[in-house]
Amino acid sequence: MATYERETYVEAPLSDVWKFHSRIDGLEALTPGWMGLSVRGVRGPDGEVDPDILETGTEIEMELRPLGGPARSWTSVIAEREEGANRATFRDEMRGGPFRRWRHVHQFLAEGSGTRIRDTVHYELPGGEFGRLVGPAAVVGFEPMFRYRHRKTKEILES
């Protein structure tokens, strides 16, 4: 699988950063408008509709219309979620969507008075061998989206 990584430092405490990223409205706030995100439904691991916190086992049904193009369904599940004194992490995995595989690890590390955020995406494009060959080029699409996400995180949490 190909890998994409981006990290940034936010002048905000880990607890605030973690809380923000633990809710569906955090995802909505950090997705650029040109991605055309529409959250169709969120179901917690116990079946609760629209849970406050995206716990392990939560499933998110979305629709994306990148650049106004055709709608693409995306189902994501929170596969892992851990919180410690100076670090927190969660991993979401695509259960259905445009990629052959998608695993996104979100890491949050307390650093001084702020938090270091690291996104690591392991992915595989569809298309068999051709998809594997061109997979690393997907960074062209990921970079503007994650640059926006990190800039928006700073804007929201540092204000």
N, C-alpha and C. Protein backbone atom coordinates (compact mmCIF):
# COMPACT_ATOMS: atom_id res chain seq x y z
N MET A 1 0.85 -1.19 0.00
CA MET A 1 0.00 0.00 0.00
C MET A 1 0.88 1.24 0.00
N ALA A 2 0.39 2.28 -0.65
CA ALA A 2 1.09 3.57 -0.64
C ALA A 2 0.76 4.29 0.68
N THR A 3 1.60 5.26 1.04
CA THR A 3 1.42 5.99 2.29
C THR A 3 1.55 7.49 2.03
N TYR A 4 0.68 8.24 2.69
CA TYR A 4 0.75 9.71 2.68
C TYR A 4 0.80 10.15 4.13
N GLU A 5 1.68 11.13 4.45
CA GLU A 5 1.77 11.66 5.81
C GLU A 5 1.83 13.18 5.79
N ARG A 6 1.22 13.76 6.83
CA ARG A 6 1.31 15.21 7.03
C ARG A 6 1.20 15.46 8.53
N GLU A 7 1.97 16.43 9.01
CA GLU A 7 1.85 16.78 10.42
C GLU A 7 1.95 18.28 10.58
N THR A 8 1.40 18.73 11.70
CA THR A 8 1.42 20.15 12.03
C THR A 8 1.36 20.29 13.55
N TYR A 9 1.72 21.46 14.01
CA TYR A 9 1.66 21.79 15.43
C TYR A 9 0.55 22.79 15.64
N VAL A 10 -0.28 22.54 16.65
CA VAL A 10 -1.39 23.43 16.98
C VAL A 10 -1.17 23.93 18.40
N GLU A 11 -1.24 25.24 18.57
CA GLU A 11 -1.08 25.84 19.90
C GLU A 11 -2.40 25.73 20.64
N ALA A 12 -2.71 24.49 21.03
CA ALA A 12 -3.92 24.19 21.79
C ALA A 12 -3.64 22.90 22.57
N PRO A 13 -4.21 22.78 23.77
CA PRO A 13 -3.95 21.57 24.57
C PRO A 13 -4.49 20.30 23.91
N LEU A 14 -3.81 19.21 24.19
CA LEU A 14 -4.22 17.90 23.66
C LEU A 14 -5.69 17.63 23.93
N SER A 15 -6.17 17.93 25.13
CA SER A 15 -7.57 17.63 25.47
C SER A 15 -8.54 18.34 24.52
N ASP A 16 -8.26 19.59 24.15
CA ASP A 16 -9.13 20.33 23.23
C ASP A 16 -9.06 19.76 21.82
N VAL A 17 -7.85 19.43 21.37
CA VAL A 17 -7.65 18.89 20.03
C VAL A 17 -8.34 17.53 19.91
N TRP A 18 -8.17 16.70 20.93
CA TRP A 18 -8.77 15.37 20.94
C TRP A 18 -10.30 15.46 20.93
N LYS A 19 -10.85 16.32 21.76
CA LYS A 19 -12.30 16.49 21.83
C LYS A 19 -12.86 16.92 20.47
N PHE A 20 -12.20 17.86 19.83
CA PHE A 20 -12.63 18.36 18.53
C PHE A 20 -12.65 17.25 17.48
N HIS A 21 -11.61 16.42 17.46
CA HIS A 21 -11.50 15.35 16.47
C HIS A 21 -12.34 14.13 16.81
N SER A 22 -12.96 14.11 17.97
CA SER A 22 -13.76 12.97 18.42
C SER A 22 -15.24 13.11 18.07
N ARG A 23 -15.58 14.14 17.34
CA ARG A 23 -16.98 14.42 17.03
C ARG A 23 -17.17 14.54 15.53
N ILE A 24 -18.36 14.22 15.05
CA ILE A 24 -18.63 14.28 13.61
C ILE A 24 -18.54 15.70 13.08
N ASP A 25 -18.89 16.70 13.92
CA ASP A 25 -18.80 18.07 13.42
C ASP A 25 -17.35 18.49 13.21
N GLY A 26 -16.40 17.83 13.86
CA GLY A 26 -14.98 18.07 13.58
C GLY A 26 -14.65 17.64 12.17
N LEU A 27 -15.11 16.45 11.76
CA LEU A 27 -14.89 15.97 10.39
C LEU A 27 -15.51 16.93 9.39
N GLU A 28 -16.72 17.35 9.65
CA GLU A 28 -17.41 18.25 8.72
C GLU A 28 -16.68 19.59 8.61
N ALA A 29 -16.19 20.13 9.73
CA ALA A 29 -15.49 21.42 9.72
C ALA A 29 -14.15 21.34 8.99
N LEU A 30 -13.53 20.17 8.99
CA LEU A 30 -12.20 20.03 8.40
C LEU A 30 -12.20 19.53 6.96
N THR A 31 -13.37 19.29 6.40
CA THR A 31 -13.44 18.83 5.01
C THR A 31 -13.68 20.04 4.11
N PRO A 32 -12.78 20.27 3.16
CA PRO A 32 -12.95 21.44 2.28
C PRO A 32 -14.27 21.37 1.51
N GLY A 33 -14.87 22.53 1.29
CA GLY A 33 -16.14 22.61 0.57
C GLY A 33 -16.09 21.97 -0.80
N TRP A 34 -14.93 22.06 -1.47
CA TRP A 34 -14.83 21.50 -2.82
C TRP A 34 -14.88 19.98 -2.84
N MET A 35 -14.85 19.34 -1.65
CA MET A 35 -15.00 17.88 -1.59
C MET A 35 -16.49 17.47 -1.61
N GLY A 36 -17.39 18.43 -1.38
CA GLY A 36 -18.82 18.15 -1.45
C GLY A 36 -19.27 17.08 -0.46
N LEU A 37 -18.80 17.16 0.78
CA LEU A 37 -19.14 16.15 1.80
C LEU A 37 -20.57 16.31 2.29
N SER A 38 -21.26 15.18 2.36
CA SER A 38 -22.57 15.12 2.98
C SER A 38 -22.57 13.88 3.86
N VAL A 39 -22.71 14.08 5.17
CA VAL A 39 -22.77 12.95 6.10
C VAL A 39 -24.21 12.45 6.08
N ARG A 40 -24.38 11.21 5.65
CA ARG A 40 -25.71 10.60 5.51
C ARG A 40 -26.19 9.96 6.81
N GLY A 41 -25.25 9.52 7.65
CA GLY A 41 -25.64 8.90 8.89
C GLY A 41 -24.44 8.48 9.71
N VAL A 42 -24.61 8.52 11.02
CA VAL A 42 -23.57 8.08 11.95
C VAL A 42 -24.25 7.15 12.95
N ARG A 43 -23.66 5.97 13.12
CA ARG A 43 -24.21 4.98 14.04
C ARG A 43 -23.12 4.47 14.95
N GLY A 44 -23.34 4.62 16.26
CA GLY A 44 -22.37 4.17 17.25
C GLY A 44 -22.28 2.66 17.32
N PRO A 45 -21.29 2.14 18.03
CA PRO A 45 -21.10 0.69 18.12
C PRO A 45 -22.27 -0.04 18.77
N ASP A 46 -23.06 0.67 19.56
CA ASP A 46 -24.22 0.06 20.21
C ASP A 46 -25.51 0.32 19.43
N GLY A 47 -25.38 0.90 18.22
CA GLY A 47 -26.54 1.19 17.38
C GLY A 47 -27.11 2.58 17.57
N GLU A 48 -26.55 3.35 18.51
CA GLU A 48 -27.04 4.71 18.76
C GLU A 48 -26.85 5.56 17.51
N VAL A 49 -27.90 6.28 17.14
CA VAL A 49 -27.84 7.18 15.99
C VAL A 49 -27.24 8.51 16.43
N ASP A 50 -26.32 9.03 15.65
CA ASP A 50 -25.66 10.31 15.90
C ASP A 50 -25.06 10.41 17.30
N PRO A 51 -24.15 9.50 17.67
CA PRO A 51 -23.52 9.56 18.99
C PRO A 51 -22.67 10.82 19.13
N ASP A 52 -22.51 11.27 20.37
CA ASP A 52 -21.71 12.47 20.63
C ASP A 52 -20.23 12.25 20.30
N ILE A 53 -19.72 11.05 20.61
CA ILE A 53 -18.31 10.74 20.43
C ILE A 53 -18.17 9.59 19.42
N LEU A 54 -17.20 9.72 18.54
CA LEU A 54 -16.92 8.68 17.55
C LEU A 54 -16.05 7.61 18.19
N GLU A 55 -16.69 6.68 18.90
CA GLU A 55 -16.02 5.59 19.61
C GLU A 55 -15.61 4.49 18.63
N THR A 56 -14.76 3.58 19.09
CA THR A 56 -14.41 2.41 18.30
C THR A 56 -15.69 1.67 17.91
N GLY A 57 -15.80 1.37 16.63
CA GLY A 57 -16.99 0.68 16.12
C GLY A 57 -18.02 1.60 15.50
N THR A 58 -17.85 2.91 15.64
CA THR A 58 -18.79 3.86 15.03
C THR A 58 -18.65 3.79 13.51
N GLU A 59 -19.77 3.78 12.82
CA GLU A 59 -19.79 3.74 11.36
C GLU A 59 -20.35 5.05 10.83
N ILE A 60 -19.67 5.60 9.83
CA ILE A 60 -20.06 6.88 9.23
C ILE A 60 -20.36 6.66 7.75
N GLU A 61 -21.57 7.00 7.35
CA GLU A 61 -21.98 6.90 5.95
C GLU A 61 -21.93 8.30 5.35
N MET A 62 -21.14 8.44 4.27
CA MET A 62 -20.96 9.75 3.66
C MET A 62 -21.17 9.67 2.15
N GLU A 63 -21.34 10.85 1.59
CA GLU A 63 -21.34 11.00 0.15
C GLU A 63 -20.39 12.14 -0.16
N LEU A 64 -19.56 11.95 -1.17
CA LEU A 64 -18.63 12.99 -1.60
C LEU A 64 -18.91 13.32 -3.06
N ARG A 65 -18.77 14.60 -3.39
CA ARG A 65 -18.89 15.08 -4.77
C ARG A 65 -17.69 15.99 -5.04
N PRO A 66 -16.49 15.39 -5.17
CA PRO A 66 -15.31 16.23 -5.37
C PRO A 66 -15.44 17.12 -6.59
N LEU A 67 -15.19 18.40 -6.38
CA LEU A 67 -15.25 19.41 -7.43
C LEU A 67 -16.58 19.39 -8.19
N GLY A 68 -17.66 19.01 -7.49
CA GLY A 68 -18.98 18.99 -8.10
C GLY A 68 -19.22 17.82 -9.02
N GLY A 69 -18.33 16.85 -9.02
CA GLY A 69 -18.44 15.68 -9.90
C GLY A 69 -19.51 14.71 -9.41
N PRO A 70 -19.48 13.52 -9.99
CA PRO A 70 -20.49 12.53 -9.59
C PRO A 70 -20.35 12.12 -8.12
N ALA A 71 -21.48 11.77 -7.53
CA ALA A 71 -21.50 11.37 -6.12
C ALA A 71 -20.77 10.05 -5.93
N ARG A 72 -20.01 9.98 -4.82
CA ARG A 72 -19.31 8.76 -4.45
C ARG A 72 -19.65 8.45 -3.01
N SER A 73 -20.13 7.26 -2.78
CA SER A 73 -20.43 6.82 -1.42
C SER A 73 -19.15 6.42 -0.72
N TRP A 74 -19.11 6.66 0.58
CA TRP A 74 -17.95 6.31 1.40
C TRP A 74 -18.47 5.89 2.76
N THR A 75 -18.12 4.69 3.17
CA THR A 75 -18.46 4.22 4.51
C THR A 75 -17.16 4.04 5.27
N SER A 76 -17.08 4.67 6.42
CA SER A 76 -15.89 4.62 7.24
C SER A 76 -16.27 4.10 8.62
N VAL A 77 -15.35 3.33 9.21
CA VAL A 77 -15.59 2.83 10.57
C VAL A 77 -14.39 3.22 11.44
N ILE A 78 -14.67 3.62 12.67
CA ILE A 78 -13.60 3.90 13.62
C ILE A 78 -13.13 2.53 14.12
N ALA A 79 -11.95 2.13 13.69
CA ALA A 79 -11.44 0.78 13.97
C ALA A 79 -10.68 0.71 15.28
N GLU A 80 -10.16 1.86 15.72
CA GLU A 80 -9.37 1.88 16.96
C GLU A 80 -9.41 3.29 17.52
N ARG A 81 -9.41 3.39 18.84
CA ARG A 81 -9.41 4.70 19.50
C ARG A 81 -8.77 4.53 20.87
N GLU A 82 -7.69 5.28 21.12
CA GLU A 82 -6.98 5.19 22.40
C GLU A 82 -6.60 6.59 22.86
N GLU A 83 -6.72 6.80 24.16
CA GLU A 83 -6.35 8.09 24.75
C GLU A 83 -5.47 7.84 25.97
N GLY A 84 -4.34 8.55 26.04
CA GLY A 84 -3.45 8.47 27.18
C GLY A 84 -3.17 9.86 27.73
N ALA A 85 -2.25 9.95 28.67
CA ALA A 85 -1.95 11.22 29.31
C ALA A 85 -1.37 12.24 28.34
N ASN A 86 -0.46 11.82 27.47
CA ASN A 86 0.22 12.76 26.58
C ASN A 86 0.04 12.44 25.10
N ARG A 87 -0.84 11.49 24.82
CA ARG A 87 -1.06 11.13 23.42
C ARG A 87 -2.44 10.54 23.25
N ALA A 88 -2.94 10.64 22.04
CA ALA A 88 -4.21 10.03 21.69
C ALA A 88 -4.14 9.64 20.22
N THR A 89 -4.89 8.63 19.85
CA THR A 89 -4.89 8.20 18.46
C THR A 89 -6.22 7.55 18.12
N PHE A 90 -6.61 7.68 16.87
CA PHE A 90 -7.70 6.86 16.38
C PHE A 90 -7.42 6.51 14.93
N ARG A 91 -8.00 5.41 14.51
CA ARG A 91 -7.82 4.93 13.14
C ARG A 91 -9.19 4.69 12.54
N ASP A 92 -9.39 5.26 11.35
CA ASP A 92 -10.61 4.94 10.61
C ASP A 92 -10.23 4.16 9.36
N GLU A 93 -11.12 3.27 8.98
CA GLU A 93 -10.89 2.44 7.80
C GLU A 93 -12.12 2.51 6.90
N MET A 94 -11.87 2.55 5.61
CA MET A 94 -12.95 2.57 4.64
C MET A 94 -13.53 1.16 4.51
N ARG A 95 -14.84 1.06 4.66
CA ARG A 95 -15.53 -0.22 4.45
C ARG A 95 -16.13 -0.30 3.06
N GLY A 96 -16.36 0.85 2.47
CA GLY A 96 -16.89 0.91 1.11
C GLY A 96 -16.62 2.29 0.58
N GLY A 97 -16.13 2.37 -0.65
CA GLY A 97 -15.83 3.67 -1.22
C GLY A 97 -14.93 3.56 -2.43
N PRO A 98 -14.34 4.68 -2.82
CA PRO A 98 -13.61 4.73 -4.09
C PRO A 98 -12.22 4.09 -4.08
N PHE A 99 -11.67 3.79 -2.92
CA PHE A 99 -10.34 3.19 -2.86
C PHE A 99 -10.47 1.68 -2.70
N ARG A 100 -9.43 0.97 -3.10
CA ARG A 100 -9.42 -0.47 -2.85
C ARG A 100 -9.22 -0.70 -1.35
N ARG A 101 -8.33 0.10 -0.75
CA ARG A 101 -8.10 0.08 0.70
C ARG A 101 -7.79 1.49 1.16
N TRP A 102 -8.20 1.78 2.40
CA TRP A 102 -7.95 3.10 3.01
C TRP A 102 -7.90 2.90 4.52
N ARG A 103 -6.77 3.28 5.11
CA ARG A 103 -6.60 3.24 6.57
C ARG A 103 -5.96 4.56 6.97
N HIS A 104 -6.65 5.34 7.79
CA HIS A 104 -6.19 6.68 8.17
C HIS A 104 -5.94 6.70 9.67
N VAL A 105 -4.69 6.91 10.05
CA VAL A 105 -4.30 6.98 11.46
C VAL A 105 -4.13 8.45 11.84
N HIS A 106 -4.85 8.87 12.87
CA HIS A 106 -4.79 10.24 13.39
C HIS A 106 -4.05 10.16 14.72
N GLN A 107 -2.90 10.83 14.83
CA GLN A 107 -2.15 10.83 16.08
C GLN A 107 -2.07 12.24 16.63
N PHE A 108 -2.19 12.35 17.95
CA PHE A 108 -2.15 13.63 18.65
C PHE A 108 -1.18 13.48 19.81
N LEU A 109 -0.13 14.30 19.82
CA LEU A 109 0.92 14.20 20.83
C LEU A 109 1.05 15.53 21.55
N ALA A 110 0.92 15.52 22.88
CA ALA A 110 1.14 16.74 23.66
C ALA A 110 2.59 17.16 23.48
N GLU A 111 2.80 18.43 23.18
CA GLU A 111 4.14 18.96 22.95
C GLU A 111 4.18 20.39 23.47
N GLY A 112 4.84 20.59 24.59
CA GLY A 112 4.83 21.92 25.22
C GLY A 112 3.41 22.28 25.61
N SER A 113 2.99 23.49 25.24
CA SER A 113 1.63 23.91 25.57
C SER A 113 0.63 23.57 24.46
N GLY A 114 1.11 22.89 23.42
CA GLY A 114 0.25 22.57 22.29
C GLY A 114 0.23 21.09 21.96
N THR A 115 -0.14 20.82 20.72
CA THR A 115 -0.33 19.45 20.27
C THR A 115 0.23 19.27 18.87
N ARG A 116 0.99 18.22 18.68
CA ARG A 116 1.45 17.83 17.35
C ARG A 116 0.42 16.86 16.79
N ILE A 117 -0.06 17.16 15.58
CA ILE A 117 -1.04 16.33 14.90
C ILE A 117 -0.34 15.66 13.72
N ARG A 118 -0.51 14.36 13.62
CA ARG A 118 0.08 13.62 12.49
C ARG A 118 -1.00 12.75 11.86
N ASP A 119 -1.20 12.94 10.56
CA ASP A 119 -2.10 12.10 9.78
C ASP A 119 -1.26 11.17 8.93
N THR A 120 -1.55 9.89 8.99
CA THR A 120 -0.89 8.91 8.14
C THR A 120 -1.98 8.11 7.44
N VAL A 121 -1.95 8.13 6.13
CA VAL A 121 -2.94 7.41 5.33
C VAL A 121 -2.24 6.32 4.56
N HIS A 122 -2.68 5.08 4.75
CA HIS A 122 -2.22 3.94 3.96
C HIS A 122 -3.37 3.62 3.02
N TYR A 123 -3.10 3.58 1.73
CA TYR A 123 -4.17 3.43 0.76
C TYR A 123 -3.72 2.61 -0.44
N GLU A 124 -4.73 2.09 -1.12
CA GLU A 124 -4.49 1.40 -2.38
C GLU A 124 -5.60 1.79 -3.33
N LEU A 125 -5.22 2.26 -4.51
CA LEU A 125 -6.20 2.64 -5.52
C LEU A 125 -6.78 1.40 -6.17
N PRO A 126 -7.97 1.52 -6.75
CA PRO A 126 -8.52 0.39 -7.51
C PRO A 126 -7.72 0.22 -8.81
N GLY A 127 -7.96 -0.83 -9.51
CA GLY A 127 -7.32 -1.02 -10.80
C GLY A 127 -6.16 -2.00 -10.81
N GLY A 128 -6.08 -2.81 -9.78
CA GLY A 128 -5.06 -3.85 -9.76
C GLY A 128 -3.64 -3.32 -9.83
N GLU A 129 -2.85 -3.91 -10.69
CA GLU A 129 -1.43 -3.54 -10.81
C GLU A 129 -1.27 -2.09 -11.24
N PHE A 130 -2.12 -1.63 -12.15
CA PHE A 130 -2.04 -0.23 -12.58
C PHE A 130 -2.30 0.71 -11.40
N GLY A 131 -3.30 0.39 -10.58
CA GLY A 131 -3.60 1.20 -9.40
C GLY A 131 -2.43 1.25 -8.44
N ARG A 132 -1.76 0.11 -8.27
CA ARG A 132 -0.58 0.09 -7.38
C ARG A 132 0.56 0.93 -7.95
N LEU A 133 0.73 0.91 -9.26
CA LEU A 133 1.81 1.68 -9.88
C LEU A 133 1.58 3.19 -9.75
N VAL A 134 0.36 3.63 -9.95
CA VAL A 134 0.08 5.07 -9.91
C VAL A 134 -0.32 5.56 -8.52
N GLY A 135 -0.47 4.65 -7.56
CA GLY A 135 -0.88 5.00 -6.20
C GLY A 135 -0.11 6.15 -5.59
N PRO A 136 1.23 6.14 -5.65
CA PRO A 136 1.97 7.25 -5.05
C PRO A 136 1.63 8.62 -5.64
N ALA A 137 1.14 8.66 -6.87
CA ALA A 137 0.78 9.94 -7.49
C ALA A 137 -0.49 10.54 -6.88
N ALA A 138 -1.23 9.76 -6.10
CA ALA A 138 -2.46 10.27 -5.47
C ALA A 138 -2.17 11.41 -4.51
N VAL A 139 -0.91 11.57 -4.14
CA VAL A 139 -0.52 12.67 -3.25
C VAL A 139 -0.95 14.02 -3.85
N VAL A 140 -1.05 14.08 -5.16
CA VAL A 140 -1.49 15.31 -5.83
C VAL A 140 -2.89 15.70 -5.37
N GLY A 141 -3.74 14.73 -5.11
CA GLY A 141 -5.08 15.01 -4.60
C GLY A 141 -5.13 15.14 -3.09
N PHE A 142 -4.30 14.37 -2.40
CA PHE A 142 -4.30 14.39 -0.93
C PHE A 142 -3.74 15.69 -0.38
N GLU A 143 -2.69 16.18 -0.99
CA GLU A 143 -1.97 17.34 -0.42
C GLU A 143 -2.87 18.55 -0.21
N PRO A 144 -3.65 19.00 -1.19
CA PRO A 144 -4.50 20.17 -0.93
C PRO A 144 -5.55 19.91 0.15
N MET A 145 -6.09 18.69 0.20
CA MET A 145 -7.11 18.38 1.19
C MET A 145 -6.52 18.38 2.60
N PHE A 146 -5.37 17.74 2.79
CA PHE A 146 -4.78 17.69 4.13
C PHE A 146 -4.15 19.03 4.52
N ARG A 147 -3.65 19.79 3.56
CA ARG A 147 -3.17 21.13 3.86
C ARG A 147 -4.32 21.97 4.41
N TYR A 148 -5.48 21.87 3.76
CA TYR A 148 -6.68 22.57 4.23
C TYR A 148 -7.06 22.10 5.64
N ARG A 149 -7.10 20.79 5.85
CA ARG A 149 -7.48 20.24 7.16
C ARG A 149 -6.59 20.77 8.27
N HIS A 150 -5.29 20.78 8.04
CA HIS A 150 -4.36 21.23 9.08
C HIS A 150 -4.45 22.74 9.29
N ARG A 151 -4.58 23.48 8.22
CA ARG A 151 -4.73 24.93 8.35
C ARG A 151 -6.02 25.28 9.09
N LYS A 152 -7.10 24.58 8.76
CA LYS A 152 -8.40 24.83 9.40
C LYS A 152 -8.37 24.42 10.87
N THR A 153 -7.67 23.33 11.18
CA THR A 153 -7.53 22.91 12.59
C THR A 153 -6.87 24.01 13.39
N LYS A 154 -5.79 24.57 12.86
CA LYS A 154 -5.09 25.66 13.55
C LYS A 154 -6.04 26.87 13.73
N GLU A 155 -6.74 27.22 12.66
CA GLU A 155 -7.63 28.36 12.70
C GLU A 155 -8.71 28.19 13.78
N ILE A 156 -9.32 27.03 13.84
CA ILE A 156 -10.41 26.79 14.79
C ILE A 156 -9.90 26.68 16.22
N LEU A 157 -8.83 25.92 16.42
CA LEU A 157 -8.40 25.62 17.79
C LEU A 157 -7.46 26.66 18.39
N GLU A 158 -6.86 27.48 17.57
CA GLU A 158 -5.96 28.51 18.11
C GLU A 158 -6.68 29.84 18.33
N SER A 159 -7.94 29.93 17.93
CA SER A 159 -8.66 31.21 18.08
C SER A 159 -9.25 31.37 19.46
